[in-house]
Amino acid sequence: MNEKRVAELIHELLIEIGEDPEREGLLKTPLRAAKSWEFLTKGYHERTEDIVNQAVFESSCSNMVIVRDIEIYSLCEHHMLPFYGRAHIGYIPKDKVLGVSKLARIADCFGRRLQIQERLTAQIANAIKNAINPEGVGVVMECRHLCMMMRGVEKQNSVMTTSSVLGSFHDSTSTRTEFLNLIGRPHV
């Protein structure tokens, strides 16, 4: 990202909304905002292959592996406002397991892009499937969307839930039910 160019654009935006970018409180805002945008969209410059790296391990485990309550932050692609919540990720290994922190890092990689929650959920599930080819994968996300809370319909307590289920999580009602029971009712 061209940090200088983004700072210039933010300077122009401040003028367009009726602000004075030369007043004391805003003097460094364009550069700070540019750095913030670089961080919030760093997922565009990350590859899941690099994230997973050497954290795939041989295992005879064939039981469900679940990591719950992974904090997720993203930006909606329609209004560029944040949405945030929790992701719950589960999979059943065939002969490989993934380092536990990699599940959260994969979620962050796709979350740090302009997104819609539906696609984000599917991208996380597919990345895990591609990394270790498990028997099945399940991802459930519950998020609050500021584009729905701060503007438009202004519904403060709304929560959007999405899921992506692949392999045995899709094909087997009992596997899907076990996963949903184990993650319980997620809380945002």
N, C-alpha and C. Protein backbone atom coordinates (compact mmCIF):
# COMPACT_ATOMS: atom_id res chain seq x y z
N MET A 1 0.84 -1.18 0.00
CA MET A 1 0.00 0.00 0.00
C MET A 1 0.89 1.24 0.00
N ASN A 2 0.52 2.21 -0.80
CA ASN A 2 1.25 3.47 -0.84
C ASN A 2 0.72 4.35 0.29
N GLU A 3 1.42 4.30 1.43
CA GLU A 3 0.98 5.01 2.63
C GLU A 3 0.82 6.51 2.39
N LYS A 4 1.76 7.10 1.66
CA LYS A 4 1.70 8.54 1.40
C LYS A 4 0.46 8.89 0.59
N ARG A 5 0.15 8.10 -0.43
CA ARG A 5 -1.02 8.38 -1.27
C ARG A 5 -2.31 8.22 -0.48
N VAL A 6 -2.39 7.18 0.35
CA VAL A 6 -3.59 6.98 1.18
C VAL A 6 -3.76 8.15 2.15
N ALA A 7 -2.66 8.63 2.74
CA ALA A 7 -2.73 9.79 3.64
C ALA A 7 -3.25 11.02 2.89
N GLU A 8 -2.80 11.20 1.65
CA GLU A 8 -3.30 12.32 0.84
C GLU A 8 -4.80 12.20 0.60
N LEU A 9 -5.25 10.99 0.31
CA LEU A 9 -6.69 10.77 0.08
C LEU A 9 -7.50 11.05 1.35
N ILE A 10 -6.98 10.66 2.49
CA ILE A 10 -7.68 10.91 3.75
C ILE A 10 -7.70 12.41 4.05
N HIS A 11 -6.62 13.10 3.72
CA HIS A 11 -6.57 14.56 3.86
C HIS A 11 -7.70 15.19 3.03
N GLU A 12 -7.84 14.71 1.79
CA GLU A 12 -8.91 15.21 0.92
C GLU A 12 -10.29 14.87 1.48
N LEU A 13 -10.44 13.68 2.01
CA LEU A 13 -11.71 13.27 2.61
C LEU A 13 -12.09 14.18 3.76
N LEU A 14 -11.13 14.53 4.61
CA LEU A 14 -11.41 15.44 5.72
C LEU A 14 -11.97 16.76 5.21
N ILE A 15 -11.41 17.26 4.15
CA ILE A 15 -11.90 18.51 3.56
C ILE A 15 -13.32 18.32 3.03
N GLU A 16 -13.57 17.21 2.33
CA GLU A 16 -14.88 16.94 1.73
C GLU A 16 -16.00 16.80 2.78
N ILE A 17 -15.67 16.29 3.96
CA ILE A 17 -16.72 16.15 4.98
C ILE A 17 -16.92 17.43 5.80
N GLY A 18 -16.11 18.47 5.48
CA GLY A 18 -16.29 19.76 6.15
C GLY A 18 -15.32 20.01 7.29
N GLU A 19 -14.27 19.22 7.39
CA GLU A 19 -13.29 19.39 8.45
C GLU A 19 -12.12 20.23 7.96
N ASP A 20 -11.35 20.70 8.90
CA ASP A 20 -10.12 21.43 8.61
C ASP A 20 -8.95 20.53 8.96
N PRO A 21 -8.32 19.91 7.96
CA PRO A 21 -7.22 18.99 8.26
C PRO A 21 -5.98 19.68 8.83
N GLU A 22 -6.00 21.01 8.87
CA GLU A 22 -4.87 21.76 9.42
C GLU A 22 -5.06 22.08 10.90
N ARG A 23 -6.21 21.76 11.47
CA ARG A 23 -6.38 22.05 12.90
C ARG A 23 -5.57 21.04 13.70
N GLU A 24 -5.20 21.43 14.91
CA GLU A 24 -4.25 20.66 15.71
C GLU A 24 -4.61 19.19 15.84
N GLY A 25 -5.84 18.86 16.16
CA GLY A 25 -6.24 17.48 16.38
C GLY A 25 -6.21 16.60 15.15
N LEU A 26 -6.17 17.21 13.96
CA LEU A 26 -6.21 16.44 12.72
C LEU A 26 -4.90 16.46 11.94
N LEU A 27 -3.90 17.17 12.44
CA LEU A 27 -2.66 17.30 11.68
C LEU A 27 -2.03 15.96 11.30
N LYS A 28 -2.02 15.02 12.21
CA LYS A 28 -1.40 13.72 11.94
C LYS A 28 -2.42 12.63 11.61
N THR A 29 -3.68 13.00 11.57
CA THR A 29 -4.73 12.01 11.31
C THR A 29 -4.57 11.32 9.96
N PRO A 30 -4.29 12.00 8.87
CA PRO A 30 -4.16 11.28 7.60
C PRO A 30 -3.11 10.16 7.64
N LEU A 31 -1.96 10.43 8.22
CA LEU A 31 -0.93 9.40 8.30
C LEU A 31 -1.33 8.28 9.26
N ARG A 32 -1.89 8.65 10.41
CA ARG A 32 -2.35 7.62 11.36
C ARG A 32 -3.43 6.75 10.73
N ALA A 33 -4.35 7.37 10.02
CA ALA A 33 -5.43 6.61 9.38
C ALA A 33 -4.88 5.71 8.27
N ALA A 34 -3.90 6.19 7.53
CA ALA A 34 -3.28 5.37 6.48
C ALA A 34 -2.63 4.14 7.09
N LYS A 35 -1.91 4.31 8.19
CA LYS A 35 -1.28 3.18 8.88
C LYS A 35 -2.35 2.21 9.40
N SER A 36 -3.44 2.76 9.89
CA SER A 36 -4.54 1.93 10.37
C SER A 36 -5.14 1.10 9.23
N TRP A 37 -5.36 1.73 8.08
CA TRP A 37 -5.90 1.01 6.93
C TRP A 37 -4.95 -0.08 6.45
N GLU A 38 -3.66 0.20 6.53
CA GLU A 38 -2.68 -0.80 6.13
C GLU A 38 -2.79 -2.04 7.02
N PHE A 39 -2.95 -1.83 8.33
CA PHE A 39 -3.10 -2.95 9.27
C PHE A 39 -4.44 -3.67 9.05
N LEU A 40 -5.51 -2.90 8.92
CA LEU A 40 -6.86 -3.49 8.80
C LEU A 40 -7.06 -4.27 7.51
N THR A 41 -6.21 -4.04 6.53
CA THR A 41 -6.34 -4.75 5.25
C THR A 41 -5.10 -5.60 4.93
N LYS A 42 -4.32 -5.93 5.95
CA LYS A 42 -3.08 -6.68 5.71
C LYS A 42 -3.33 -8.09 5.17
N GLY A 43 -4.55 -8.58 5.29
CA GLY A 43 -4.87 -9.90 4.77
C GLY A 43 -4.69 -10.03 3.27
N TYR A 44 -4.74 -8.91 2.56
CA TYR A 44 -4.53 -8.96 1.11
C TYR A 44 -3.10 -9.36 0.76
N HIS A 45 -2.19 -9.20 1.71
CA HIS A 45 -0.77 -9.49 1.46
C HIS A 45 -0.30 -10.74 2.19
N GLU A 46 -1.25 -11.53 2.68
CA GLU A 46 -0.92 -12.78 3.37
C GLU A 46 -1.46 -13.96 2.58
N ARG A 47 -0.74 -15.05 2.64
CA ARG A 47 -1.16 -16.28 1.98
C ARG A 47 -1.30 -17.36 3.05
N THR A 48 -2.36 -18.14 2.95
CA THR A 48 -2.56 -19.17 3.97
C THR A 48 -1.43 -20.19 3.96
N GLU A 49 -0.83 -20.43 2.80
CA GLU A 49 0.30 -21.35 2.74
C GLU A 49 1.45 -20.87 3.62
N ASP A 50 1.68 -19.57 3.64
CA ASP A 50 2.74 -19.01 4.48
C ASP A 50 2.35 -19.04 5.95
N ILE A 51 1.08 -18.85 6.22
CA ILE A 51 0.60 -18.88 7.61
C ILE A 51 0.73 -20.29 8.18
N VAL A 52 0.27 -21.27 7.43
CA VAL A 52 0.33 -22.67 7.87
C VAL A 52 1.77 -23.12 7.99
N ASN A 53 2.60 -22.75 7.03
CA ASN A 53 4.03 -23.00 7.01
C ASN A 53 4.37 -24.42 7.46
N GLN A 54 5.03 -24.57 8.58
CA GLN A 54 5.49 -25.88 9.05
C GLN A 54 4.59 -26.42 10.17
N ALA A 55 3.39 -25.91 10.30
CA ALA A 55 2.53 -26.28 11.44
C ALA A 55 1.48 -27.33 11.08
N VAL A 56 1.82 -28.22 10.17
CA VAL A 56 0.97 -29.38 9.86
C VAL A 56 1.69 -30.59 10.43
N PHE A 57 0.99 -31.34 11.28
CA PHE A 57 1.63 -32.44 11.99
C PHE A 57 0.90 -33.74 11.73
N GLU A 58 1.66 -34.80 11.55
CA GLU A 58 1.09 -36.15 11.41
C GLU A 58 0.39 -36.50 12.72
N SER A 59 -0.77 -37.14 12.61
CA SER A 59 -1.50 -37.52 13.80
C SER A 59 -2.47 -38.65 13.47
N SER A 60 -2.63 -39.54 14.42
CA SER A 60 -3.62 -40.60 14.24
C SER A 60 -4.96 -40.20 14.85
N CYS A 61 -5.03 -38.98 15.35
CA CYS A 61 -6.27 -38.46 15.94
C CYS A 61 -7.37 -38.43 14.88
N SER A 62 -8.53 -38.94 15.26
CA SER A 62 -9.66 -38.88 14.33
C SER A 62 -10.90 -38.32 15.02
N ASN A 63 -10.67 -37.63 16.13
CA ASN A 63 -11.76 -37.00 16.86
C ASN A 63 -11.84 -35.53 16.50
N MET A 64 -12.99 -34.96 16.75
CA MET A 64 -13.23 -33.57 16.40
C MET A 64 -12.30 -32.65 17.19
N VAL A 65 -11.73 -31.69 16.48
CA VAL A 65 -10.89 -30.65 17.07
C VAL A 65 -11.65 -29.34 16.92
N ILE A 66 -11.82 -28.61 18.01
CA ILE A 66 -12.59 -27.36 17.96
C ILE A 66 -11.83 -26.26 18.69
N VAL A 67 -11.80 -25.09 18.08
CA VAL A 67 -11.35 -23.88 18.76
C VAL A 67 -12.52 -22.90 18.71
N ARG A 68 -12.95 -22.52 19.90
CA ARG A 68 -14.11 -21.62 20.03
C ARG A 68 -13.68 -20.20 20.34
N ASP A 69 -14.60 -19.31 20.10
CA ASP A 69 -14.46 -17.92 20.55
C ASP A 69 -13.21 -17.22 20.04
N ILE A 70 -12.90 -17.41 18.78
CA ILE A 70 -11.79 -16.69 18.15
C ILE A 70 -12.32 -15.30 17.78
N GLU A 71 -11.75 -14.28 18.39
CA GLU A 71 -12.20 -12.92 18.07
C GLU A 71 -11.91 -12.63 16.61
N ILE A 72 -12.88 -12.00 15.97
CA ILE A 72 -12.73 -11.67 14.54
C ILE A 72 -13.12 -10.22 14.34
N TYR A 73 -12.33 -9.53 13.55
CA TYR A 73 -12.60 -8.14 13.19
C TYR A 73 -12.42 -8.02 11.69
N SER A 74 -13.37 -7.38 11.04
CA SER A 74 -13.28 -7.20 9.61
C SER A 74 -13.96 -5.89 9.23
N LEU A 75 -13.94 -5.60 7.94
CA LEU A 75 -14.59 -4.40 7.40
C LEU A 75 -15.56 -4.83 6.32
N CYS A 76 -16.80 -4.36 6.41
CA CYS A 76 -17.78 -4.73 5.39
C CYS A 76 -17.43 -4.04 4.08
N GLU A 77 -17.53 -4.79 3.02
CA GLU A 77 -17.14 -4.24 1.72
C GLU A 77 -18.15 -3.26 1.16
N HIS A 78 -19.34 -3.21 1.73
CA HIS A 78 -20.37 -2.31 1.22
C HIS A 78 -20.24 -0.89 1.77
N HIS A 79 -19.85 -0.76 3.05
CA HIS A 79 -19.76 0.56 3.67
C HIS A 79 -18.39 0.84 4.27
N MET A 80 -17.51 -0.15 4.23
CA MET A 80 -16.18 -0.05 4.82
C MET A 80 -16.25 0.30 6.31
N LEU A 81 -17.28 -0.23 6.97
CA LEU A 81 -17.40 -0.09 8.42
C LEU A 81 -17.10 -1.44 9.05
N PRO A 82 -16.64 -1.44 10.29
CA PRO A 82 -16.26 -2.70 10.93
C PRO A 82 -17.44 -3.62 11.20
N PHE A 83 -17.13 -4.92 11.18
CA PHE A 83 -17.99 -5.91 11.84
C PHE A 83 -17.07 -6.78 12.67
N TYR A 84 -17.62 -7.28 13.76
CA TYR A 84 -16.79 -7.99 14.71
C TYR A 84 -17.60 -9.06 15.43
N GLY A 85 -16.92 -10.04 15.93
CA GLY A 85 -17.60 -11.10 16.65
C GLY A 85 -16.67 -12.24 16.96
N ARG A 86 -17.20 -13.46 16.84
CA ARG A 86 -16.44 -14.64 17.18
C ARG A 86 -16.61 -15.71 16.10
N ALA A 87 -15.51 -16.42 15.88
CA ALA A 87 -15.53 -17.56 14.96
C ALA A 87 -15.29 -18.81 15.79
N HIS A 88 -15.98 -19.87 15.42
CA HIS A 88 -15.82 -21.18 16.05
C HIS A 88 -15.47 -22.13 14.92
N ILE A 89 -14.31 -22.79 15.05
CA ILE A 89 -13.79 -23.62 13.98
C ILE A 89 -13.61 -25.04 14.49
N GLY A 90 -14.10 -25.99 13.71
CA GLY A 90 -13.90 -27.39 14.05
C GLY A 90 -13.54 -28.19 12.82
N TYR A 91 -12.80 -29.28 13.05
CA TYR A 91 -12.49 -30.19 11.95
C TYR A 91 -12.24 -31.58 12.52
N ILE A 92 -12.37 -32.57 11.66
CA ILE A 92 -12.03 -33.94 12.01
C ILE A 92 -10.84 -34.33 11.14
N PRO A 93 -9.66 -34.53 11.76
CA PRO A 93 -8.47 -34.86 10.98
C PRO A 93 -8.55 -36.24 10.36
N LYS A 94 -7.87 -36.40 9.24
CA LYS A 94 -7.67 -37.74 8.66
C LYS A 94 -6.33 -38.27 9.18
N ASP A 95 -5.26 -37.64 8.79
CA ASP A 95 -3.94 -38.09 9.26
C ASP A 95 -3.04 -36.90 9.62
N LYS A 96 -3.62 -35.69 9.59
CA LYS A 96 -2.84 -34.49 9.89
C LYS A 96 -3.66 -33.55 10.76
N VAL A 97 -2.98 -32.86 11.67
CA VAL A 97 -3.61 -31.80 12.45
C VAL A 97 -2.85 -30.51 12.18
N LEU A 98 -3.51 -29.42 12.46
CA LEU A 98 -2.96 -28.09 12.21
C LEU A 98 -2.61 -27.48 13.56
N GLY A 99 -1.47 -26.80 13.66
CA GLY A 99 -1.13 -26.09 14.88
C GLY A 99 -2.29 -25.19 15.28
N VAL A 100 -2.66 -25.23 16.55
CA VAL A 100 -3.90 -24.59 17.00
C VAL A 100 -3.93 -23.09 16.71
N SER A 101 -2.81 -22.41 16.86
CA SER A 101 -2.81 -20.96 16.61
C SER A 101 -3.05 -20.64 15.14
N LYS A 102 -2.79 -21.60 14.27
CA LYS A 102 -2.95 -21.36 12.83
C LYS A 102 -4.42 -21.17 12.47
N LEU A 103 -5.32 -21.78 13.22
CA LEU A 103 -6.75 -21.58 12.95
C LEU A 103 -7.11 -20.11 13.13
N ALA A 104 -6.64 -19.51 14.22
CA ALA A 104 -6.91 -18.09 14.46
C ALA A 104 -6.21 -17.22 13.42
N ARG A 105 -5.00 -17.59 13.04
CA ARG A 105 -4.27 -16.80 12.04
C ARG A 105 -4.93 -16.86 10.67
N ILE A 106 -5.48 -18.02 10.32
CA ILE A 106 -6.21 -18.14 9.06
C ILE A 106 -7.45 -17.25 9.09
N ALA A 107 -8.17 -17.26 10.22
CA ALA A 107 -9.35 -16.40 10.36
C ALA A 107 -8.96 -14.94 10.21
N ASP A 108 -7.86 -14.53 10.84
CA ASP A 108 -7.40 -13.14 10.73
C ASP A 108 -7.00 -12.78 9.31
N CYS A 109 -6.34 -13.71 8.62
CA CYS A 109 -5.90 -13.45 7.25
C CYS A 109 -7.08 -13.04 6.37
N PHE A 110 -8.16 -13.77 6.46
CA PHE A 110 -9.32 -13.44 5.62
C PHE A 110 -10.16 -12.31 6.21
N GLY A 111 -10.12 -12.17 7.54
CA GLY A 111 -10.85 -11.08 8.17
C GLY A 111 -10.26 -9.72 7.87
N ARG A 112 -8.96 -9.66 7.66
CA ARG A 112 -8.28 -8.39 7.40
C ARG A 112 -8.33 -8.02 5.92
N ARG A 113 -9.56 -8.07 5.40
CA ARG A 113 -9.84 -7.66 4.02
C ARG A 113 -11.24 -7.05 4.01
N LEU A 114 -11.59 -6.36 2.96
CA LEU A 114 -12.98 -5.94 2.82
C LEU A 114 -13.78 -7.20 2.57
N GLN A 115 -14.85 -7.40 3.34
CA GLN A 115 -15.51 -8.70 3.34
C GLN A 115 -17.02 -8.58 3.44
N ILE A 116 -17.65 -9.71 3.15
CA ILE A 116 -18.99 -9.98 3.63
C ILE A 116 -18.84 -11.22 4.52
N GLN A 117 -19.61 -11.29 5.56
CA GLN A 117 -19.44 -12.37 6.53
C GLN A 117 -19.64 -13.74 5.92
N GLU A 118 -20.56 -13.85 4.99
CA GLU A 118 -20.83 -15.14 4.35
C GLU A 118 -19.58 -15.68 3.65
N ARG A 119 -18.90 -14.83 2.89
CA ARG A 119 -17.70 -15.24 2.18
C ARG A 119 -16.56 -15.52 3.14
N LEU A 120 -16.42 -14.68 4.16
CA LEU A 120 -15.37 -14.86 5.16
C LEU A 120 -15.47 -16.24 5.81
N THR A 121 -16.67 -16.63 6.18
CA THR A 121 -16.90 -17.93 6.81
C THR A 121 -16.47 -19.06 5.88
N ALA A 122 -16.85 -18.98 4.63
CA ALA A 122 -16.50 -20.01 3.65
C ALA A 122 -15.00 -20.03 3.36
N GLN A 123 -14.36 -18.87 3.30
CA GLN A 123 -12.93 -18.81 3.03
C GLN A 123 -12.13 -19.50 4.13
N ILE A 124 -12.52 -19.29 5.37
CA ILE A 124 -11.83 -19.93 6.49
C ILE A 124 -11.96 -21.45 6.38
N ALA A 125 -13.18 -21.93 6.15
CA ALA A 125 -13.41 -23.37 6.03
C ALA A 125 -12.61 -23.97 4.87
N ASN A 126 -12.63 -23.32 3.73
CA ASN A 126 -11.90 -23.83 2.56
C ASN A 126 -10.40 -23.82 2.77
N ALA A 127 -9.88 -22.81 3.45
CA ALA A 127 -8.44 -22.75 3.70
C ALA A 127 -7.99 -23.91 4.59
N ILE A 128 -8.80 -24.27 5.58
CA ILE A 128 -8.46 -25.40 6.45
C ILE A 128 -8.55 -26.70 5.66
N LYS A 129 -9.58 -26.82 4.85
CA LYS A 129 -9.72 -28.01 4.00
C LYS A 129 -8.50 -28.16 3.09
N ASN A 130 -8.08 -27.08 2.46
CA ASN A 130 -6.95 -27.13 1.55
C ASN A 130 -5.63 -27.39 2.26
N ALA A 131 -5.51 -26.95 3.52
CA ALA A 131 -4.25 -27.09 4.25
C ALA A 131 -4.00 -28.52 4.72
N ILE A 132 -5.07 -29.22 5.20
CA ILE A 132 -4.83 -30.55 5.80
C ILE A 132 -5.77 -31.64 5.29
N ASN A 133 -6.66 -31.30 4.38
CA ASN A 133 -7.59 -32.28 3.82
C ASN A 133 -8.25 -33.15 4.89
N PRO A 134 -8.94 -32.51 5.84
CA PRO A 134 -9.57 -33.27 6.91
C PRO A 134 -10.81 -34.00 6.41
N GLU A 135 -11.35 -34.86 7.27
CA GLU A 135 -12.61 -35.55 6.95
C GLU A 135 -13.74 -34.54 6.79
N GLY A 136 -13.70 -33.50 7.60
CA GLY A 136 -14.72 -32.46 7.52
C GLY A 136 -14.28 -31.22 8.26
N VAL A 137 -14.94 -30.11 7.92
CA VAL A 137 -14.65 -28.81 8.55
C VAL A 137 -15.98 -28.11 8.82
N GLY A 138 -16.04 -27.42 9.96
CA GLY A 138 -17.19 -26.58 10.27
C GLY A 138 -16.72 -25.24 10.80
N VAL A 139 -17.31 -24.17 10.31
CA VAL A 139 -17.01 -22.83 10.81
C VAL A 139 -18.34 -22.13 11.05
N VAL A 140 -18.51 -21.60 12.24
CA VAL A 140 -19.68 -20.79 12.57
C VAL A 140 -19.18 -19.44 13.04
N MET A 141 -19.80 -18.39 12.52
CA MET A 141 -19.44 -17.03 12.93
C MET A 141 -20.68 -16.28 13.37
N GLU A 142 -20.56 -15.54 14.46
CA GLU A 142 -21.60 -14.62 14.91
C GLU A 142 -20.97 -13.25 15.05
N CYS A 143 -21.51 -12.29 14.29
CA CYS A 143 -20.91 -10.96 14.27
C CYS A 143 -21.95 -9.85 14.36
N ARG A 144 -21.49 -8.74 14.89
CA ARG A 144 -22.26 -7.50 14.91
C ARG A 144 -21.67 -6.59 13.82
N HIS A 145 -22.55 -5.97 13.07
CA HIS A 145 -22.14 -5.15 11.93
C HIS A 145 -22.44 -3.68 12.20
N LEU A 146 -21.40 -2.87 12.27
CA LEU A 146 -21.61 -1.45 12.54
C LEU A 146 -22.36 -0.75 11.42
N CYS A 147 -22.30 -1.30 10.20
CA CYS A 147 -23.07 -0.69 9.11
C CYS A 147 -24.57 -0.84 9.37
N MET A 148 -24.94 -1.80 10.19
CA MET A 148 -26.34 -1.99 10.54
C MET A 148 -26.67 -1.33 11.88
N MET A 149 -25.67 -1.08 12.69
CA MET A 149 -25.89 -0.51 14.02
C MET A 149 -25.78 1.02 14.03
N MET A 150 -24.81 1.57 13.29
CA MET A 150 -24.52 3.00 13.34
C MET A 150 -25.30 3.81 12.32
N ARG A 151 -25.78 3.15 11.28
CA ARG A 151 -26.43 3.86 10.18
C ARG A 151 -27.59 3.01 9.68
N GLY A 152 -28.25 3.45 8.66
CA GLY A 152 -29.31 2.64 8.06
C GLY A 152 -30.39 2.28 9.06
N VAL A 153 -30.58 1.01 9.29
CA VAL A 153 -31.68 0.52 10.11
C VAL A 153 -31.43 0.74 11.62
N GLU A 154 -30.18 0.94 12.02
CA GLU A 154 -29.79 1.24 13.40
C GLU A 154 -30.33 0.23 14.41
N LYS A 155 -30.05 -1.01 14.20
CA LYS A 155 -30.47 -2.08 15.12
C LYS A 155 -29.28 -2.49 15.96
N GLN A 156 -29.26 -2.05 17.22
CA GLN A 156 -28.11 -2.19 18.09
C GLN A 156 -27.84 -3.61 18.57
N ASN A 157 -28.83 -4.44 18.65
CA ASN A 157 -28.66 -5.77 19.22
C ASN A 157 -28.69 -6.89 18.18
N SER A 158 -28.60 -6.53 16.92
CA SER A 158 -28.66 -7.54 15.87
C SER A 158 -27.33 -8.28 15.77
N VAL A 159 -27.43 -9.57 15.53
CA VAL A 159 -26.25 -10.42 15.37
C VAL A 159 -26.50 -11.28 14.13
N MET A 160 -25.50 -11.34 13.27
CA MET A 160 -25.59 -12.17 12.07
C MET A 160 -24.82 -13.46 12.32
N THR A 161 -25.44 -14.59 12.02
CA THR A 161 -24.80 -15.90 12.16
C THR A 161 -24.65 -16.53 10.78
N THR A 162 -23.45 -17.02 10.51
CA THR A 162 -23.19 -17.74 9.26
C THR A 162 -22.46 -19.03 9.58
N SER A 163 -22.61 -20.00 8.70
CA SER A 163 -21.86 -21.25 8.87
C SER A 163 -21.40 -21.75 7.51
N SER A 164 -20.30 -22.48 7.57
CA SER A 164 -19.82 -23.19 6.40
C SER A 164 -19.41 -24.57 6.87
N VAL A 165 -20.02 -25.59 6.27
CA VAL A 165 -19.75 -26.97 6.66
C VAL A 165 -19.34 -27.76 5.42
N LEU A 166 -18.21 -28.44 5.54
CA LEU A 166 -17.65 -29.18 4.42
C LEU A 166 -17.42 -30.63 4.83
N GLY A 167 -17.41 -31.52 3.85
CA GLY A 167 -17.12 -32.93 4.12
C GLY A 167 -18.13 -33.53 5.07
N SER A 168 -17.64 -34.24 6.08
CA SER A 168 -18.54 -34.94 7.01
C SER A 168 -19.42 -33.97 7.80
N PHE A 169 -18.98 -32.74 7.99
CA PHE A 169 -19.81 -31.76 8.69
C PHE A 169 -21.04 -31.41 7.84
N HIS A 170 -20.90 -31.53 6.54
CA HIS A 170 -22.01 -31.28 5.63
C HIS A 170 -22.85 -32.53 5.42
N ASP A 171 -22.18 -33.66 5.24
CA ASP A 171 -22.87 -34.89 4.85
C ASP A 171 -23.51 -35.65 5.99
N SER A 172 -23.01 -35.47 7.20
CA SER A 172 -23.50 -36.23 8.34
C SER A 172 -24.23 -35.33 9.34
N THR A 173 -25.52 -35.57 9.48
CA THR A 173 -26.30 -34.79 10.45
C THR A 173 -25.75 -34.95 11.85
N SER A 174 -25.33 -36.15 12.22
CA SER A 174 -24.83 -36.37 13.58
C SER A 174 -23.50 -35.64 13.82
N THR A 175 -22.63 -35.58 12.82
CA THR A 175 -21.37 -34.85 12.95
C THR A 175 -21.64 -33.36 13.10
N ARG A 176 -22.50 -32.84 12.25
CA ARG A 176 -22.85 -31.42 12.32
C ARG A 176 -23.48 -31.10 13.67
N THR A 177 -24.39 -31.96 14.14
CA THR A 177 -25.06 -31.75 15.43
C THR A 177 -24.05 -31.77 16.57
N GLU A 178 -23.10 -32.72 16.53
CA GLU A 178 -22.06 -32.78 17.57
C GLU A 178 -21.28 -31.47 17.61
N PHE A 179 -20.87 -30.99 16.45
CA PHE A 179 -20.12 -29.74 16.36
C PHE A 179 -20.92 -28.59 16.96
N LEU A 180 -22.17 -28.45 16.53
CA LEU A 180 -22.99 -27.35 17.03
C LEU A 180 -23.24 -27.46 18.53
N ASN A 181 -23.41 -28.67 19.02
CA ASN A 181 -23.59 -28.86 20.47
C ASN A 181 -22.33 -28.50 21.24
N LEU A 182 -21.18 -28.88 20.70
CA LEU A 182 -19.92 -28.61 21.40
C LEU A 182 -19.56 -27.12 21.42
N ILE A 183 -19.92 -26.40 20.36
CA ILE A 183 -19.62 -24.96 20.41
C ILE A 183 -20.66 -24.23 21.24
N GLY A 184 -21.80 -24.89 21.49
CA GLY A 184 -22.84 -24.24 22.31
C GLY A 184 -23.39 -23.03 21.63
N ARG A 185 -24.13 -22.26 22.35
CA ARG A 185 -24.65 -21.01 21.79
C ARG A 185 -23.54 -19.98 21.87
N PRO A 186 -22.96 -19.61 20.73
CA PRO A 186 -21.90 -18.60 20.75
C PRO A 186 -22.43 -17.25 21.27
N HIS A 187 -21.54 -16.50 21.86
CA HIS A 187 -21.89 -15.17 22.38
C HIS A 187 -20.99 -14.16 21.73
N VAL A 188 -21.57 -13.11 21.22
CA VAL A 188 -20.78 -12.05 20.59
C VAL A 188 -20.46 -11.00 21.63
